[in-house]
Amino acid sequence: MMHSTADRKTWMSTADPVTPRLRLHDDLTARTILDGAWWPYSRTTVTELTNLVIALDARHLPVTRIMLNAAAWGEHPRRIGVAGRTIRLGWFTTLEACLLIATTNTNQRLDLLVIPPRVPAKIAAAAMATAADKDNTTRAEAIMAAVSPQRRFSLPRPEDIWESEGGGINGHRTGTRS
């Protein structure tokens, strides 16, 4: 497999840091299904992950690697620069869309429920509370289904993302009339 120059680029956020919506359970040494939840403000990969890494650093959890679902995020950088170090990112289609796995410099693993940015606050709060409960035995996707059974949290189709960014199928936009 050949890697391009873009694959070796370290991306840096130019946005001012914002405190992320993050909730962790108290005893991160206990092995649980999830260690907590994160509710990003957007799907802007570099900005949101930078804020998450800074927040985890403040909790003495210096992350070195992060694994995410590729379809759940717009950009797929391989590395981001945060606080003077490089964080390696891995993109997987087999990982649950609402799961982030981070590894610290001591190889401690953190599994976080990722709540989609546009989820209503009441639903997000319920999901965060469940994920941060150290006695929780429910997987990430099941938590999202349980807190809002009438609402489906599926990923957008690639065509929908492409069209919302100015693309079009067969020369015209979906949902518009001639």
Protein backbone atom coordinates (compact mmCIF):
# COMPACT_ATOMS: atom_id res chain seq x y z
CA MET A 1 0.00 0.00 0.00
CA MET A 2 1.38 3.38 -1.03
CA HIS A 3 0.87 6.33 1.25
CA SER A 4 0.53 9.83 -0.11
CA THR A 5 2.04 12.95 1.37
CA ALA A 6 -1.41 13.83 2.73
CA ASP A 7 -1.37 10.59 4.78
CA ARG A 8 1.81 11.76 6.53
CA LYS A 9 0.51 15.27 7.21
CA THR A 10 -0.23 16.20 10.82
CA TRP A 11 -3.42 18.25 10.95
CA MET A 12 -3.76 21.05 13.50
CA SER A 13 -6.88 22.84 14.65
CA THR A 14 -6.85 26.60 14.24
CA ALA A 15 -10.08 27.07 16.20
CA ASP A 16 -10.05 28.29 19.77
CA PRO A 17 -10.43 25.37 22.19
CA VAL A 18 -13.95 24.74 23.49
CA THR A 19 -14.76 22.59 26.50
CA PRO A 20 -16.25 19.41 25.06
CA ARG A 21 -19.39 17.77 26.32
CA LEU A 22 -17.71 14.81 27.98
CA ARG A 23 -18.78 12.58 30.83
CA LEU A 24 -16.62 9.79 32.26
CA HIS A 25 -17.36 7.42 35.10
CA ASP A 26 -15.31 7.86 38.27
CA ASP A 27 -13.27 4.63 38.27
CA LEU A 28 -11.58 4.32 34.90
CA THR A 29 -9.43 1.45 36.18
CA ALA A 30 -12.48 -0.81 36.31
CA ARG A 31 -13.06 -2.66 33.03
CA THR A 32 -16.49 -1.79 31.73
CA ILE A 33 -18.32 -1.81 28.39
CA LEU A 34 -17.99 1.98 28.12
CA ASP A 35 -15.93 4.50 30.05
CA GLY A 36 -18.24 7.39 29.34
CA ALA A 37 -19.69 9.50 26.56
CA TRP A 38 -18.73 12.39 24.33
CA TRP A 39 -21.18 14.67 22.53
CA PRO A 40 -19.29 16.65 19.87
CA TYR A 41 -20.71 19.97 18.66
CA SER A 42 -20.09 19.09 14.99
CA ARG A 43 -18.53 16.50 12.70
CA THR A 44 -15.47 18.69 12.10
CA THR A 45 -12.89 16.03 12.84
CA VAL A 46 -9.77 17.99 13.73
CA THR A 47 -11.48 20.64 15.86
CA GLU A 48 -13.66 18.21 17.81
CA LEU A 49 -10.89 15.65 18.43
CA THR A 50 -8.47 18.39 19.49
CA ASN A 51 -10.96 19.59 22.12
CA LEU A 52 -11.53 16.01 23.29
CA VAL A 53 -7.79 15.32 23.64
CA ILE A 54 -7.27 18.55 25.61
CA ALA A 55 -10.12 17.58 27.97
CA LEU A 56 -8.71 14.08 28.46
CA ASP A 57 -5.25 15.58 29.13
CA ALA A 58 -6.83 17.68 31.90
CA ARG A 59 -8.07 14.43 33.44
CA HIS A 60 -4.55 12.94 33.27
CA LEU A 61 -5.46 10.68 30.34
CA PRO A 62 -2.92 11.66 27.65
CA VAL A 63 -4.26 10.02 24.50
CA THR A 64 -1.83 8.83 21.81
CA ARG A 65 -4.21 6.94 19.48
CA ILE A 66 -7.87 7.23 18.56
CA MET A 67 -10.00 4.82 16.52
CA LEU A 68 -13.23 5.97 14.87
CA ASN A 69 -15.82 4.88 12.34
CA ALA A 70 -14.86 6.32 8.95
CA ALA A 71 -18.43 6.93 7.76
CA ALA A 72 -19.32 9.00 10.84
CA TRP A 73 -16.83 11.80 10.15
CA GLY A 74 -16.18 14.13 7.21
CA GLU A 75 -12.39 14.30 7.16
CA HIS A 76 -10.09 11.36 7.82
CA PRO A 77 -6.67 12.66 8.83
CA ARG A 78 -4.15 10.05 9.97
CA ARG A 79 -2.55 12.37 12.55
CA ILE A 80 -3.51 15.47 14.51
CA GLY A 81 -1.20 17.69 16.52
CA VAL A 82 -2.40 18.54 20.03
CA ALA A 83 -0.48 20.03 22.96
CA GLY A 84 2.90 19.49 21.34
CA ARG A 85 2.42 15.83 20.44
CA THR A 86 1.03 13.80 17.59
CA ILE A 87 -2.14 11.75 18.02
CA ARG A 88 -2.55 8.92 15.52
CA LEU A 89 -6.03 8.29 14.14
CA GLY A 90 -7.37 5.03 12.75
CA TRP A 91 -10.48 4.87 10.59
CA PHE A 92 -12.53 1.68 10.54
CA THR A 93 -15.76 0.80 8.77
CA THR A 94 -16.36 -2.11 11.16
CA LEU A 95 -16.34 0.03 14.31
CA GLU A 96 -19.76 1.13 15.60
CA ALA A 97 -20.55 4.63 14.31
CA CYS A 98 -21.26 5.84 17.85
CA LEU A 99 -18.06 4.45 19.42
CA LEU A 100 -14.63 6.03 19.85
CA ILE A 101 -11.72 4.02 21.23
CA ALA A 102 -8.76 5.97 22.60
CA THR A 103 -5.49 4.64 23.93
CA THR A 104 -3.34 6.58 26.41
CA ASN A 105 0.43 6.72 26.67
CA THR A 106 0.23 3.95 29.30
CA ASN A 107 -1.89 1.76 26.97
CA GLN A 108 -5.05 2.42 28.98
CA ARG A 109 -8.05 2.00 26.71
CA LEU A 110 -11.04 4.36 26.83
CA ASP A 111 -14.25 3.41 25.05
CA LEU A 112 -16.58 6.37 24.62
CA LEU A 113 -20.11 6.54 23.31
CA VAL A 114 -20.15 9.26 20.62
CA ILE A 115 -23.50 11.02 20.52
CA PRO A 116 -24.33 12.59 17.14
CA PRO A 117 -24.07 16.41 17.28
CA ARG A 118 -27.72 17.14 16.39
CA VAL A 119 -29.26 14.88 19.02
CA PRO A 120 -31.63 16.81 21.32
CA ALA A 121 -30.13 17.70 24.72
CA LYS A 122 -32.57 15.56 26.71
CA ILE A 123 -31.70 12.43 24.70
CA ALA A 124 -27.97 13.21 24.84
CA ALA A 125 -28.09 13.68 28.63
CA ALA A 126 -29.80 10.32 29.09
CA ALA A 127 -27.31 8.57 26.82
CA MET A 128 -24.34 10.22 28.59
CA ALA A 129 -25.65 9.21 32.01
CA THR A 130 -26.07 5.59 30.91
CA ALA A 131 -22.64 5.40 29.26
CA ALA A 132 -20.92 6.94 32.29
CA ASP A 133 -22.58 4.55 34.74
CA LYS A 134 -19.84 2.14 35.86
CA ASP A 135 -22.44 -0.64 36.15
CA ASN A 136 -23.65 -0.19 32.57
CA THR A 137 -23.61 -3.38 30.49
CA THR A 138 -25.13 -1.91 27.32
CA ARG A 139 -23.14 -1.33 24.12
CA ALA A 140 -22.98 2.09 22.44
CA GLU A 141 -25.53 1.51 19.65
CA ALA A 142 -27.98 -0.10 22.07
CA ILE A 143 -27.78 2.91 24.40
CA MET A 144 -28.70 5.26 21.56
CA ALA A 145 -31.59 2.99 20.57
CA ALA A 146 -32.80 2.74 24.18
CA VAL A 147 -32.83 6.47 24.93
CA SER A 148 -34.74 7.26 21.77
CA PRO A 149 -36.43 4.18 20.33
CA GLN A 150 -38.63 6.18 17.95
CA ARG A 151 -35.63 7.96 16.43
CA ARG A 152 -33.12 6.18 14.23
CA PHE A 153 -29.49 7.27 14.57
CA SER A 154 -28.20 6.10 11.24
CA LEU A 155 -25.32 7.55 9.31
CA PRO A 156 -26.10 9.81 6.38
CA ARG A 157 -25.72 8.23 2.97
CA PRO A 158 -22.51 9.34 1.18
CA GLU A 159 -24.71 10.75 -1.61
CA ASP A 160 -26.53 12.99 0.88
CA ILE A 161 -23.26 14.36 2.25
CA TRP A 162 -21.93 14.92 -1.26
CA GLU A 163 -25.08 16.73 -2.33
CA SER A 164 -25.14 18.91 0.80
CA GLU A 165 -21.61 19.99 -0.12
CA GLY A 166 -22.67 21.16 -3.60
CA GLY A 167 -22.64 17.93 -5.59
CA GLY A 168 -25.52 16.58 -7.58
CA ILE A 169 -26.64 13.38 -9.21
CA ASN A 170 -27.21 13.43 -12.99
CA GLY A 171 -26.86 17.20 -13.14
CA HIS A 172 -29.67 18.09 -10.73
CA ARG A 173 -30.22 18.12 -7.00
CA THR A 174 -32.44 15.70 -5.19
CA GLY A 175 -35.62 17.16 -3.73
CA THR A 176 -35.80 20.08 -6.15
CA ARG A 177 -38.37 20.46 -8.92
CA SER A 178 -37.70 21.71 -12.40
